[in-house]
Amino acid sequence: NINGMSIRVSPYSFSYVNKKVAEV
């Protein structure tokens, strides 16, 4: 859940390593 949105995480997805700051 990112800023209230449901997001799927796949084995190949990019994601920022710090979720709290990614929301910022």
PDBML (XML) file of the C-alpha atoms, coordinates in Angstrom:
<?xml version="1.0" encoding="UTF-8" ?>
<PDBx:datablock datablockName="MODEL"
   xmlns:PDBx="http://pdbml.pdb.org/schema/pdbx-v50.xsd"
   xmlns:xsi="http://www.w3.org/2001/XMLSchema-instance"
   xsi:schemaLocation="http://pdbml.pdb.org/schema/pdbx-v50.xsd pdbx-v50.xsd">
   <PDBx:atom_siteCategory>
      <PDBx:atom_site id="1">
         <PDBx:B_iso_or_equiv>0.00</PDBx:B_iso_or_equiv>
         <PDBx:Cartn_x>0.000</PDBx:Cartn_x>
         <PDBx:Cartn_y>0.000</PDBx:Cartn_y>
         <PDBx:Cartn_z>0.000</PDBx:Cartn_z>
         <PDBx:auth_asym_id>A</PDBx:auth_asym_id>
         <PDBx:auth_atom_id>CA</PDBx:auth_atom_id>
         <PDBx:auth_comp_id>ASN</PDBx:auth_comp_id>
         <PDBx:auth_seq_id>1</PDBx:auth_seq_id>
         <PDBx:group_PDB>ATOM</PDBx:group_PDB>
         <PDBx:label_alt_id xsi:nil="true" />
         <PDBx:label_asym_id>A</PDBx:label_asym_id>
         <PDBx:label_atom_id>CA</PDBx:label_atom_id>
         <PDBx:label_comp_id>ASN</PDBx:label_comp_id>
         <PDBx:label_entity_id>1</PDBx:label_entity_id>
         <PDBx:label_seq_id>1</PDBx:label_seq_id>
         <PDBx:occupancy>1.00</PDBx:occupancy>
         <PDBx:pdbx_PDB_model_num>1</PDBx:pdbx_PDB_model_num>
         <PDBx:type_symbol>C</PDBx:type_symbol>
      </PDBx:atom_site>
      <PDBx:atom_site id="2">
         <PDBx:B_iso_or_equiv>0.00</PDBx:B_iso_or_equiv>
         <PDBx:Cartn_x>1.589</PDBx:Cartn_x>
         <PDBx:Cartn_y>3.252</PDBx:Cartn_y>
         <PDBx:Cartn_z>-1.159</PDBx:Cartn_z>
         <PDBx:auth_asym_id>A</PDBx:auth_asym_id>
         <PDBx:auth_atom_id>CA</PDBx:auth_atom_id>
         <PDBx:auth_comp_id>ILE</PDBx:auth_comp_id>
         <PDBx:auth_seq_id>2</PDBx:auth_seq_id>
         <PDBx:group_PDB>ATOM</PDBx:group_PDB>
         <PDBx:label_alt_id xsi:nil="true" />
         <PDBx:label_asym_id>A</PDBx:label_asym_id>
         <PDBx:label_atom_id>CA</PDBx:label_atom_id>
         <PDBx:label_comp_id>ILE</PDBx:label_comp_id>
         <PDBx:label_entity_id>1</PDBx:label_entity_id>
         <PDBx:label_seq_id>2</PDBx:label_seq_id>
         <PDBx:occupancy>1.00</PDBx:occupancy>
         <PDBx:pdbx_PDB_model_num>1</PDBx:pdbx_PDB_model_num>
         <PDBx:type_symbol>C</PDBx:type_symbol>
      </PDBx:atom_site>
      <PDBx:atom_site id="3">
         <PDBx:B_iso_or_equiv>0.00</PDBx:B_iso_or_equiv>
         <PDBx:Cartn_x>-0.156</PDBx:Cartn_x>
         <PDBx:Cartn_y>6.505</PDBx:Cartn_y>
         <PDBx:Cartn_z>-0.257</PDBx:Cartn_z>
         <PDBx:auth_asym_id>A</PDBx:auth_asym_id>
         <PDBx:auth_atom_id>CA</PDBx:auth_atom_id>
         <PDBx:auth_comp_id>ASN</PDBx:auth_comp_id>
         <PDBx:auth_seq_id>3</PDBx:auth_seq_id>
         <PDBx:group_PDB>ATOM</PDBx:group_PDB>
         <PDBx:label_alt_id xsi:nil="true" />
         <PDBx:label_asym_id>A</PDBx:label_asym_id>
         <PDBx:label_atom_id>CA</PDBx:label_atom_id>
         <PDBx:label_comp_id>ASN</PDBx:label_comp_id>
         <PDBx:label_entity_id>1</PDBx:label_entity_id>
         <PDBx:label_seq_id>3</PDBx:label_seq_id>
         <PDBx:occupancy>1.00</PDBx:occupancy>
         <PDBx:pdbx_PDB_model_num>1</PDBx:pdbx_PDB_model_num>
         <PDBx:type_symbol>C</PDBx:type_symbol>
      </PDBx:atom_site>
      <PDBx:atom_site id="4">
         <PDBx:B_iso_or_equiv>0.00</PDBx:B_iso_or_equiv>
         <PDBx:Cartn_x>-3.456</PDBx:Cartn_x>
         <PDBx:Cartn_y>4.650</PDBx:Cartn_y>
         <PDBx:Cartn_z>-0.096</PDBx:Cartn_z>
         <PDBx:auth_asym_id>A</PDBx:auth_asym_id>
         <PDBx:auth_atom_id>CA</PDBx:auth_atom_id>
         <PDBx:auth_comp_id>GLY</PDBx:auth_comp_id>
         <PDBx:auth_seq_id>4</PDBx:auth_seq_id>
         <PDBx:group_PDB>ATOM</PDBx:group_PDB>
         <PDBx:label_alt_id xsi:nil="true" />
         <PDBx:label_asym_id>A</PDBx:label_asym_id>
         <PDBx:label_atom_id>CA</PDBx:label_atom_id>
         <PDBx:label_comp_id>GLY</PDBx:label_comp_id>
         <PDBx:label_entity_id>1</PDBx:label_entity_id>
         <PDBx:label_seq_id>4</PDBx:label_seq_id>
         <PDBx:occupancy>1.00</PDBx:occupancy>
         <PDBx:pdbx_PDB_model_num>1</PDBx:pdbx_PDB_model_num>
         <PDBx:type_symbol>C</PDBx:type_symbol>
      </PDBx:atom_site>
      <PDBx:atom_site id="5">
         <PDBx:B_iso_or_equiv>0.00</PDBx:B_iso_or_equiv>
         <PDBx:Cartn_x>-3.047</PDBx:Cartn_x>
         <PDBx:Cartn_y>2.786</PDBx:Cartn_y>
         <PDBx:Cartn_z>-3.407</PDBx:Cartn_z>
         <PDBx:auth_asym_id>A</PDBx:auth_asym_id>
         <PDBx:auth_atom_id>CA</PDBx:auth_atom_id>
         <PDBx:auth_comp_id>MET</PDBx:auth_comp_id>
         <PDBx:auth_seq_id>5</PDBx:auth_seq_id>
         <PDBx:group_PDB>ATOM</PDBx:group_PDB>
         <PDBx:label_alt_id xsi:nil="true" />
         <PDBx:label_asym_id>A</PDBx:label_asym_id>
         <PDBx:label_atom_id>CA</PDBx:label_atom_id>
         <PDBx:label_comp_id>MET</PDBx:label_comp_id>
         <PDBx:label_entity_id>1</PDBx:label_entity_id>
         <PDBx:label_seq_id>5</PDBx:label_seq_id>
         <PDBx:occupancy>1.00</PDBx:occupancy>
         <PDBx:pdbx_PDB_model_num>1</PDBx:pdbx_PDB_model_num>
         <PDBx:type_symbol>C</PDBx:type_symbol>
      </PDBx:atom_site>
      <PDBx:atom_site id="6">
         <PDBx:B_iso_or_equiv>0.00</PDBx:B_iso_or_equiv>
         <PDBx:Cartn_x>-2.742</PDBx:Cartn_x>
         <PDBx:Cartn_y>-0.974</PDBx:Cartn_y>
         <PDBx:Cartn_z>-3.740</PDBx:Cartn_z>
         <PDBx:auth_asym_id>A</PDBx:auth_asym_id>
         <PDBx:auth_atom_id>CA</PDBx:auth_atom_id>
         <PDBx:auth_comp_id>SER</PDBx:auth_comp_id>
         <PDBx:auth_seq_id>6</PDBx:auth_seq_id>
         <PDBx:group_PDB>ATOM</PDBx:group_PDB>
         <PDBx:label_alt_id xsi:nil="true" />
         <PDBx:label_asym_id>A</PDBx:label_asym_id>
         <PDBx:label_atom_id>CA</PDBx:label_atom_id>
         <PDBx:label_comp_id>SER</PDBx:label_comp_id>
         <PDBx:label_entity_id>1</PDBx:label_entity_id>
         <PDBx:label_seq_id>6</PDBx:label_seq_id>
         <PDBx:occupancy>1.00</PDBx:occupancy>
         <PDBx:pdbx_PDB_model_num>1</PDBx:pdbx_PDB_model_num>
         <PDBx:type_symbol>C</PDBx:type_symbol>
      </PDBx:atom_site>
      <PDBx:atom_site id="7">
         <PDBx:B_iso_or_equiv>0.00</PDBx:B_iso_or_equiv>
         <PDBx:Cartn_x>0.388</PDBx:Cartn_x>
         <PDBx:Cartn_y>-1.928</PDBx:Cartn_y>
         <PDBx:Cartn_z>-5.695</PDBx:Cartn_z>
         <PDBx:auth_asym_id>A</PDBx:auth_asym_id>
         <PDBx:auth_atom_id>CA</PDBx:auth_atom_id>
         <PDBx:auth_comp_id>ILE</PDBx:auth_comp_id>
         <PDBx:auth_seq_id>7</PDBx:auth_seq_id>
         <PDBx:group_PDB>ATOM</PDBx:group_PDB>
         <PDBx:label_alt_id xsi:nil="true" />
         <PDBx:label_asym_id>A</PDBx:label_asym_id>
         <PDBx:label_atom_id>CA</PDBx:label_atom_id>
         <PDBx:label_comp_id>ILE</PDBx:label_comp_id>
         <PDBx:label_entity_id>1</PDBx:label_entity_id>
         <PDBx:label_seq_id>7</PDBx:label_seq_id>
         <PDBx:occupancy>1.00</PDBx:occupancy>
         <PDBx:pdbx_PDB_model_num>1</PDBx:pdbx_PDB_model_num>
         <PDBx:type_symbol>C</PDBx:type_symbol>
      </PDBx:atom_site>
      <PDBx:atom_site id="8">
         <PDBx:B_iso_or_equiv>0.00</PDBx:B_iso_or_equiv>
         <PDBx:Cartn_x>1.577</PDBx:Cartn_x>
         <PDBx:Cartn_y>-5.388</PDBx:Cartn_y>
         <PDBx:Cartn_z>-6.657</PDBx:Cartn_z>
         <PDBx:auth_asym_id>A</PDBx:auth_asym_id>
         <PDBx:auth_atom_id>CA</PDBx:auth_atom_id>
         <PDBx:auth_comp_id>ARG</PDBx:auth_comp_id>
         <PDBx:auth_seq_id>8</PDBx:auth_seq_id>
         <PDBx:group_PDB>ATOM</PDBx:group_PDB>
         <PDBx:label_alt_id xsi:nil="true" />
         <PDBx:label_asym_id>A</PDBx:label_asym_id>
         <PDBx:label_atom_id>CA</PDBx:label_atom_id>
         <PDBx:label_comp_id>ARG</PDBx:label_comp_id>
         <PDBx:label_entity_id>1</PDBx:label_entity_id>
         <PDBx:label_seq_id>8</PDBx:label_seq_id>
         <PDBx:occupancy>1.00</PDBx:occupancy>
         <PDBx:pdbx_PDB_model_num>1</PDBx:pdbx_PDB_model_num>
         <PDBx:type_symbol>C</PDBx:type_symbol>
      </PDBx:atom_site>
      <PDBx:atom_site id="9">
         <PDBx:B_iso_or_equiv>0.00</PDBx:B_iso_or_equiv>
         <PDBx:Cartn_x>5.213</PDBx:Cartn_x>
         <PDBx:Cartn_y>-6.333</PDBx:Cartn_y>
         <PDBx:Cartn_z>-6.096</PDBx:Cartn_z>
         <PDBx:auth_asym_id>A</PDBx:auth_asym_id>
         <PDBx:auth_atom_id>CA</PDBx:auth_atom_id>
         <PDBx:auth_comp_id>VAL</PDBx:auth_comp_id>
         <PDBx:auth_seq_id>9</PDBx:auth_seq_id>
         <PDBx:group_PDB>ATOM</PDBx:group_PDB>
         <PDBx:label_alt_id xsi:nil="true" />
         <PDBx:label_asym_id>A</PDBx:label_asym_id>
         <PDBx:label_atom_id>CA</PDBx:label_atom_id>
         <PDBx:label_comp_id>VAL</PDBx:label_comp_id>
         <PDBx:label_entity_id>1</PDBx:label_entity_id>
         <PDBx:label_seq_id>9</PDBx:label_seq_id>
         <PDBx:occupancy>1.00</PDBx:occupancy>
         <PDBx:pdbx_PDB_model_num>1</PDBx:pdbx_PDB_model_num>
         <PDBx:type_symbol>C</PDBx:type_symbol>
      </PDBx:atom_site>
      <PDBx:atom_site id="10">
         <PDBx:B_iso_or_equiv>0.00</PDBx:B_iso_or_equiv>
         <PDBx:Cartn_x>6.536</PDBx:Cartn_x>
         <PDBx:Cartn_y>-8.826</PDBx:Cartn_y>
         <PDBx:Cartn_z>-8.640</PDBx:Cartn_z>
         <PDBx:auth_asym_id>A</PDBx:auth_asym_id>
         <PDBx:auth_atom_id>CA</PDBx:auth_atom_id>
         <PDBx:auth_comp_id>SER</PDBx:auth_comp_id>
         <PDBx:auth_seq_id>10</PDBx:auth_seq_id>
         <PDBx:group_PDB>ATOM</PDBx:group_PDB>
         <PDBx:label_alt_id xsi:nil="true" />
         <PDBx:label_asym_id>A</PDBx:label_asym_id>
         <PDBx:label_atom_id>CA</PDBx:label_atom_id>
         <PDBx:label_comp_id>SER</PDBx:label_comp_id>
         <PDBx:label_entity_id>1</PDBx:label_entity_id>
         <PDBx:label_seq_id>10</PDBx:label_seq_id>
         <PDBx:occupancy>1.00</PDBx:occupancy>
         <PDBx:pdbx_PDB_model_num>1</PDBx:pdbx_PDB_model_num>
         <PDBx:type_symbol>C</PDBx:type_symbol>
      </PDBx:atom_site>
      <PDBx:atom_site id="11">
         <PDBx:B_iso_or_equiv>0.00</PDBx:B_iso_or_equiv>
         <PDBx:Cartn_x>10.015</PDBx:Cartn_x>
         <PDBx:Cartn_y>-10.415</PDBx:Cartn_y>
         <PDBx:Cartn_z>-8.723</PDBx:Cartn_z>
         <PDBx:auth_asym_id>A</PDBx:auth_asym_id>
         <PDBx:auth_atom_id>CA</PDBx:auth_atom_id>
         <PDBx:auth_comp_id>PRO</PDBx:auth_comp_id>
         <PDBx:auth_seq_id>11</PDBx:auth_seq_id>
         <PDBx:group_PDB>ATOM</PDBx:group_PDB>
         <PDBx:label_alt_id xsi:nil="true" />
         <PDBx:label_asym_id>A</PDBx:label_asym_id>
         <PDBx:label_atom_id>CA</PDBx:label_atom_id>
         <PDBx:label_comp_id>PRO</PDBx:label_comp_id>
         <PDBx:label_entity_id>1</PDBx:label_entity_id>
         <PDBx:label_seq_id>11</PDBx:label_seq_id>
         <PDBx:occupancy>1.00</PDBx:occupancy>
         <PDBx:pdbx_PDB_model_num>1</PDBx:pdbx_PDB_model_num>
         <PDBx:type_symbol>C</PDBx:type_symbol>
      </PDBx:atom_site>
      <PDBx:atom_site id="12">
         <PDBx:B_iso_or_equiv>0.00</PDBx:B_iso_or_equiv>
         <PDBx:Cartn_x>11.040</PDBx:Cartn_x>
         <PDBx:Cartn_y>-7.942</PDBx:Cartn_y>
         <PDBx:Cartn_z>-11.437</PDBx:Cartn_z>
         <PDBx:auth_asym_id>A</PDBx:auth_asym_id>
         <PDBx:auth_atom_id>CA</PDBx:auth_atom_id>
         <PDBx:auth_comp_id>TYR</PDBx:auth_comp_id>
         <PDBx:auth_seq_id>12</PDBx:auth_seq_id>
         <PDBx:group_PDB>ATOM</PDBx:group_PDB>
         <PDBx:label_alt_id xsi:nil="true" />
         <PDBx:label_asym_id>A</PDBx:label_asym_id>
         <PDBx:label_atom_id>CA</PDBx:label_atom_id>
         <PDBx:label_comp_id>TYR</PDBx:label_comp_id>
         <PDBx:label_entity_id>1</PDBx:label_entity_id>
         <PDBx:label_seq_id>12</PDBx:label_seq_id>
         <PDBx:occupancy>1.00</PDBx:occupancy>
         <PDBx:pdbx_PDB_model_num>1</PDBx:pdbx_PDB_model_num>
         <PDBx:type_symbol>C</PDBx:type_symbol>
      </PDBx:atom_site>
      <PDBx:atom_site id="13">
         <PDBx:B_iso_or_equiv>0.00</PDBx:B_iso_or_equiv>
         <PDBx:Cartn_x>9.401</PDBx:Cartn_x>
         <PDBx:Cartn_y>-4.755</PDBx:Cartn_y>
         <PDBx:Cartn_z>-10.079</PDBx:Cartn_z>
         <PDBx:auth_asym_id>A</PDBx:auth_asym_id>
         <PDBx:auth_atom_id>CA</PDBx:auth_atom_id>
         <PDBx:auth_comp_id>SER</PDBx:auth_comp_id>
         <PDBx:auth_seq_id>13</PDBx:auth_seq_id>
         <PDBx:group_PDB>ATOM</PDBx:group_PDB>
         <PDBx:label_alt_id xsi:nil="true" />
         <PDBx:label_asym_id>A</PDBx:label_asym_id>
         <PDBx:label_atom_id>CA</PDBx:label_atom_id>
         <PDBx:label_comp_id>SER</PDBx:label_comp_id>
         <PDBx:label_entity_id>1</PDBx:label_entity_id>
         <PDBx:label_seq_id>13</PDBx:label_seq_id>
         <PDBx:occupancy>1.00</PDBx:occupancy>
         <PDBx:pdbx_PDB_model_num>1</PDBx:pdbx_PDB_model_num>
         <PDBx:type_symbol>C</PDBx:type_symbol>
      </PDBx:atom_site>
      <PDBx:atom_site id="14">
         <PDBx:B_iso_or_equiv>0.00</PDBx:B_iso_or_equiv>
         <PDBx:Cartn_x>11.494</PDBx:Cartn_x>
         <PDBx:Cartn_y>-1.699</PDBx:Cartn_y>
         <PDBx:Cartn_z>-9.298</PDBx:Cartn_z>
         <PDBx:auth_asym_id>A</PDBx:auth_asym_id>
         <PDBx:auth_atom_id>CA</PDBx:auth_atom_id>
         <PDBx:auth_comp_id>PHE</PDBx:auth_comp_id>
         <PDBx:auth_seq_id>14</PDBx:auth_seq_id>
         <PDBx:group_PDB>ATOM</PDBx:group_PDB>
         <PDBx:label_alt_id xsi:nil="true" />
         <PDBx:label_asym_id>A</PDBx:label_asym_id>
         <PDBx:label_atom_id>CA</PDBx:label_atom_id>
         <PDBx:label_comp_id>PHE</PDBx:label_comp_id>
         <PDBx:label_entity_id>1</PDBx:label_entity_id>
         <PDBx:label_seq_id>14</PDBx:label_seq_id>
         <PDBx:occupancy>1.00</PDBx:occupancy>
         <PDBx:pdbx_PDB_model_num>1</PDBx:pdbx_PDB_model_num>
         <PDBx:type_symbol>C</PDBx:type_symbol>
      </PDBx:atom_site>
      <PDBx:atom_site id="15">
         <PDBx:B_iso_or_equiv>0.00</PDBx:B_iso_or_equiv>
         <PDBx:Cartn_x>10.822</PDBx:Cartn_x>
         <PDBx:Cartn_y>-0.265</PDBx:Cartn_y>
         <PDBx:Cartn_z>-5.868</PDBx:Cartn_z>
         <PDBx:auth_asym_id>A</PDBx:auth_asym_id>
         <PDBx:auth_atom_id>CA</PDBx:auth_atom_id>
         <PDBx:auth_comp_id>SER</PDBx:auth_comp_id>
         <PDBx:auth_seq_id>15</PDBx:auth_seq_id>
         <PDBx:group_PDB>ATOM</PDBx:group_PDB>
         <PDBx:label_alt_id xsi:nil="true" />
         <PDBx:label_asym_id>A</PDBx:label_asym_id>
         <PDBx:label_atom_id>CA</PDBx:label_atom_id>
         <PDBx:label_comp_id>SER</PDBx:label_comp_id>
         <PDBx:label_entity_id>1</PDBx:label_entity_id>
         <PDBx:label_seq_id>15</PDBx:label_seq_id>
         <PDBx:occupancy>1.00</PDBx:occupancy>
         <PDBx:pdbx_PDB_model_num>1</PDBx:pdbx_PDB_model_num>
         <PDBx:type_symbol>C</PDBx:type_symbol>
      </PDBx:atom_site>
      <PDBx:atom_site id="16">
         <PDBx:B_iso_or_equiv>0.00</PDBx:B_iso_or_equiv>
         <PDBx:Cartn_x>12.582</PDBx:Cartn_x>
         <PDBx:Cartn_y>2.313</PDBx:Cartn_y>
         <PDBx:Cartn_z>-3.743</PDBx:Cartn_z>
         <PDBx:auth_asym_id>A</PDBx:auth_asym_id>
         <PDBx:auth_atom_id>CA</PDBx:auth_atom_id>
         <PDBx:auth_comp_id>TYR</PDBx:auth_comp_id>
         <PDBx:auth_seq_id>16</PDBx:auth_seq_id>
         <PDBx:group_PDB>ATOM</PDBx:group_PDB>
         <PDBx:label_alt_id xsi:nil="true" />
         <PDBx:label_asym_id>A</PDBx:label_asym_id>
         <PDBx:label_atom_id>CA</PDBx:label_atom_id>
         <PDBx:label_comp_id>TYR</PDBx:label_comp_id>
         <PDBx:label_entity_id>1</PDBx:label_entity_id>
         <PDBx:label_seq_id>16</PDBx:label_seq_id>
         <PDBx:occupancy>1.00</PDBx:occupancy>
         <PDBx:pdbx_PDB_model_num>1</PDBx:pdbx_PDB_model_num>
         <PDBx:type_symbol>C</PDBx:type_symbol>
      </PDBx:atom_site>
      <PDBx:atom_site id="17">
         <PDBx:B_iso_or_equiv>0.00</PDBx:B_iso_or_equiv>
         <PDBx:Cartn_x>14.258</PDBx:Cartn_x>
         <PDBx:Cartn_y>0.519</PDBx:Cartn_y>
         <PDBx:Cartn_z>-0.842</PDBx:Cartn_z>
         <PDBx:auth_asym_id>A</PDBx:auth_asym_id>
         <PDBx:auth_atom_id>CA</PDBx:auth_atom_id>
         <PDBx:auth_comp_id>VAL</PDBx:auth_comp_id>
         <PDBx:auth_seq_id>17</PDBx:auth_seq_id>
         <PDBx:group_PDB>ATOM</PDBx:group_PDB>
         <PDBx:label_alt_id xsi:nil="true" />
         <PDBx:label_asym_id>A</PDBx:label_asym_id>
         <PDBx:label_atom_id>CA</PDBx:label_atom_id>
         <PDBx:label_comp_id>VAL</PDBx:label_comp_id>
         <PDBx:label_entity_id>1</PDBx:label_entity_id>
         <PDBx:label_seq_id>17</PDBx:label_seq_id>
         <PDBx:occupancy>1.00</PDBx:occupancy>
         <PDBx:pdbx_PDB_model_num>1</PDBx:pdbx_PDB_model_num>
         <PDBx:type_symbol>C</PDBx:type_symbol>
      </PDBx:atom_site>
      <PDBx:atom_site id="18">
         <PDBx:B_iso_or_equiv>0.00</PDBx:B_iso_or_equiv>
         <PDBx:Cartn_x>12.788</PDBx:Cartn_x>
         <PDBx:Cartn_y>2.923</PDBx:Cartn_y>
         <PDBx:Cartn_z>1.728</PDBx:Cartn_z>
         <PDBx:auth_asym_id>A</PDBx:auth_asym_id>
         <PDBx:auth_atom_id>CA</PDBx:auth_atom_id>
         <PDBx:auth_comp_id>ASN</PDBx:auth_comp_id>
         <PDBx:auth_seq_id>18</PDBx:auth_seq_id>
         <PDBx:group_PDB>ATOM</PDBx:group_PDB>
         <PDBx:label_alt_id xsi:nil="true" />
         <PDBx:label_asym_id>A</PDBx:label_asym_id>
         <PDBx:label_atom_id>CA</PDBx:label_atom_id>
         <PDBx:label_comp_id>ASN</PDBx:label_comp_id>
         <PDBx:label_entity_id>1</PDBx:label_entity_id>
         <PDBx:label_seq_id>18</PDBx:label_seq_id>
         <PDBx:occupancy>1.00</PDBx:occupancy>
         <PDBx:pdbx_PDB_model_num>1</PDBx:pdbx_PDB_model_num>
         <PDBx:type_symbol>C</PDBx:type_symbol>
      </PDBx:atom_site>
      <PDBx:atom_site id="19">
         <PDBx:B_iso_or_equiv>0.00</PDBx:B_iso_or_equiv>
         <PDBx:Cartn_x>8.989</PDBx:Cartn_x>
         <PDBx:Cartn_y>2.779</PDBx:Cartn_y>
         <PDBx:Cartn_z>1.354</PDBx:Cartn_z>
         <PDBx:auth_asym_id>A</PDBx:auth_asym_id>
         <PDBx:auth_atom_id>CA</PDBx:auth_atom_id>
         <PDBx:auth_comp_id>LYS</PDBx:auth_comp_id>
         <PDBx:auth_seq_id>19</PDBx:auth_seq_id>
         <PDBx:group_PDB>ATOM</PDBx:group_PDB>
         <PDBx:label_alt_id xsi:nil="true" />
         <PDBx:label_asym_id>A</PDBx:label_asym_id>
         <PDBx:label_atom_id>CA</PDBx:label_atom_id>
         <PDBx:label_comp_id>LYS</PDBx:label_comp_id>
         <PDBx:label_entity_id>1</PDBx:label_entity_id>
         <PDBx:label_seq_id>19</PDBx:label_seq_id>
         <PDBx:occupancy>1.00</PDBx:occupancy>
         <PDBx:pdbx_PDB_model_num>1</PDBx:pdbx_PDB_model_num>
         <PDBx:type_symbol>C</PDBx:type_symbol>
      </PDBx:atom_site>
      <PDBx:atom_site id="20">
         <PDBx:B_iso_or_equiv>0.00</PDBx:B_iso_or_equiv>
         <PDBx:Cartn_x>8.234</PDBx:Cartn_x>
         <PDBx:Cartn_y>5.555</PDBx:Cartn_y>
         <PDBx:Cartn_z>3.861</PDBx:Cartn_z>
         <PDBx:auth_asym_id>A</PDBx:auth_asym_id>
         <PDBx:auth_atom_id>CA</PDBx:auth_atom_id>
         <PDBx:auth_comp_id>LYS</PDBx:auth_comp_id>
         <PDBx:auth_seq_id>20</PDBx:auth_seq_id>
         <PDBx:group_PDB>ATOM</PDBx:group_PDB>
         <PDBx:label_alt_id xsi:nil="true" />
         <PDBx:label_asym_id>A</PDBx:label_asym_id>
         <PDBx:label_atom_id>CA</PDBx:label_atom_id>
         <PDBx:label_comp_id>LYS</PDBx:label_comp_id>
         <PDBx:label_entity_id>1</PDBx:label_entity_id>
         <PDBx:label_seq_id>20</PDBx:label_seq_id>
         <PDBx:occupancy>1.00</PDBx:occupancy>
         <PDBx:pdbx_PDB_model_num>1</PDBx:pdbx_PDB_model_num>
         <PDBx:type_symbol>C</PDBx:type_symbol>
      </PDBx:atom_site>
      <PDBx:atom_site id="21">
         <PDBx:B_iso_or_equiv>0.00</PDBx:B_iso_or_equiv>
         <PDBx:Cartn_x>10.449</PDBx:Cartn_x>
         <PDBx:Cartn_y>8.003</PDBx:Cartn_y>
         <PDBx:Cartn_z>1.984</PDBx:Cartn_z>
         <PDBx:auth_asym_id>A</PDBx:auth_asym_id>
         <PDBx:auth_atom_id>CA</PDBx:auth_atom_id>
         <PDBx:auth_comp_id>VAL</PDBx:auth_comp_id>
         <PDBx:auth_seq_id>21</PDBx:auth_seq_id>
         <PDBx:group_PDB>ATOM</PDBx:group_PDB>
         <PDBx:label_alt_id xsi:nil="true" />
         <PDBx:label_asym_id>A</PDBx:label_asym_id>
         <PDBx:label_atom_id>CA</PDBx:label_atom_id>
         <PDBx:label_comp_id>VAL</PDBx:label_comp_id>
         <PDBx:label_entity_id>1</PDBx:label_entity_id>
         <PDBx:label_seq_id>21</PDBx:label_seq_id>
         <PDBx:occupancy>1.00</PDBx:occupancy>
         <PDBx:pdbx_PDB_model_num>1</PDBx:pdbx_PDB_model_num>
         <PDBx:type_symbol>C</PDBx:type_symbol>
      </PDBx:atom_site>
      <PDBx:atom_site id="22">
         <PDBx:B_iso_or_equiv>0.00</PDBx:B_iso_or_equiv>
         <PDBx:Cartn_x>9.225</PDBx:Cartn_x>
         <PDBx:Cartn_y>6.755</PDBx:Cartn_y>
         <PDBx:Cartn_z>-1.399</PDBx:Cartn_z>
         <PDBx:auth_asym_id>A</PDBx:auth_asym_id>
         <PDBx:auth_atom_id>CA</PDBx:auth_atom_id>
         <PDBx:auth_comp_id>ALA</PDBx:auth_comp_id>
         <PDBx:auth_seq_id>22</PDBx:auth_seq_id>
         <PDBx:group_PDB>ATOM</PDBx:group_PDB>
         <PDBx:label_alt_id xsi:nil="true" />
         <PDBx:label_asym_id>A</PDBx:label_asym_id>
         <PDBx:label_atom_id>CA</PDBx:label_atom_id>
         <PDBx:label_comp_id>ALA</PDBx:label_comp_id>
         <PDBx:label_entity_id>1</PDBx:label_entity_id>
         <PDBx:label_seq_id>22</PDBx:label_seq_id>
         <PDBx:occupancy>1.00</PDBx:occupancy>
         <PDBx:pdbx_PDB_model_num>1</PDBx:pdbx_PDB_model_num>
         <PDBx:type_symbol>C</PDBx:type_symbol>
      </PDBx:atom_site>
      <PDBx:atom_site id="23">
         <PDBx:B_iso_or_equiv>0.00</PDBx:B_iso_or_equiv>
         <PDBx:Cartn_x>5.786</PDBx:Cartn_x>
         <PDBx:Cartn_y>8.001</PDBx:Cartn_y>
         <PDBx:Cartn_z>-0.369</PDBx:Cartn_z>
         <PDBx:auth_asym_id>A</PDBx:auth_asym_id>
         <PDBx:auth_atom_id>CA</PDBx:auth_atom_id>
         <PDBx:auth_comp_id>GLU</PDBx:auth_comp_id>
         <PDBx:auth_seq_id>23</PDBx:auth_seq_id>
         <PDBx:group_PDB>ATOM</PDBx:group_PDB>
         <PDBx:label_alt_id xsi:nil="true" />
         <PDBx:label_asym_id>A</PDBx:label_asym_id>
         <PDBx:label_atom_id>CA</PDBx:label_atom_id>
         <PDBx:label_comp_id>GLU</PDBx:label_comp_id>
         <PDBx:label_entity_id>1</PDBx:label_entity_id>
         <PDBx:label_seq_id>23</PDBx:label_seq_id>
         <PDBx:occupancy>1.00</PDBx:occupancy>
         <PDBx:pdbx_PDB_model_num>1</PDBx:pdbx_PDB_model_num>
         <PDBx:type_symbol>C</PDBx:type_symbol>
      </PDBx:atom_site>
      <PDBx:atom_site id="24">
         <PDBx:B_iso_or_equiv>0.00</PDBx:B_iso_or_equiv>
         <PDBx:Cartn_x>7.356</PDBx:Cartn_x>
         <PDBx:Cartn_y>11.385</PDBx:Cartn_y>
         <PDBx:Cartn_z>0.414</PDBx:Cartn_z>
         <PDBx:auth_asym_id>A</PDBx:auth_asym_id>
         <PDBx:auth_atom_id>CA</PDBx:auth_atom_id>
         <PDBx:auth_comp_id>VAL</PDBx:auth_comp_id>
         <PDBx:auth_seq_id>24</PDBx:auth_seq_id>
         <PDBx:group_PDB>ATOM</PDBx:group_PDB>
         <PDBx:label_alt_id xsi:nil="true" />
         <PDBx:label_asym_id>A</PDBx:label_asym_id>
         <PDBx:label_atom_id>CA</PDBx:label_atom_id>
         <PDBx:label_comp_id>VAL</PDBx:label_comp_id>
         <PDBx:label_entity_id>1</PDBx:label_entity_id>
         <PDBx:label_seq_id>24</PDBx:label_seq_id>
         <PDBx:occupancy>1.00</PDBx:occupancy>
         <PDBx:pdbx_PDB_model_num>1</PDBx:pdbx_PDB_model_num>
         <PDBx:type_symbol>C</PDBx:type_symbol>
      </PDBx:atom_site>
   </PDBx:atom_siteCategory>
</PDBx:datablock>
